[in-house]
Amino acid sequence: MRCKGCGVVLQTDSKEIEGYTPKLSNELCYRCFILKHYQEDQHHVYKSGFPKIDHDGVIIYLVSLLHLNTLFMYNLNNFYNNKMILLVNHVDLLPKTVDFDKMVNTIKKNHQRELANFLSVLPISALKGYQLEKLLNVIISNN
């Protein structure tokens, strides 16, 4: 049976495993139950929820500039030892006076621990093509 909220397979074995519910007759897993009835997100992240990636692969982590506050909700270093590239998209929405080097340095300074495996932090605009060539160079130089 699957959770009607998130679709995970329900189980009663362990609270530490995704899909936990005290009774299999429940429609929701514990996390969805708390979210629905108490409007609280448990922020449980399970390794099984992330794709398996070859250890040699480079992970490209794309986050919208509009969602920087959720940037490290899921600390990828807990799940992967791979090298990563952080792309901060939608920089075309910022005023032209914004200093992107300063923005990147602020992100790096505020998230030193979380950025340990990151090769680069690049502000990009997928719409305008800003910094995409630099992204390709970073990928090529690290393969």
Foldseek 3Di string as FASTA:
>chain_A
DAAPPPGHQADCDDPLDPRHDVDNVDNHHPQVVCCVPVVDGPLRDDLVVDDDDPLLDEAEAEDELVVVVCVVSPLCVVRHPHAYEYEHEDCVVPDPPDDVVVVQVVVCVVPVPSNVRYPYYYYAYPVVGRCVVVVVVSNVVSD
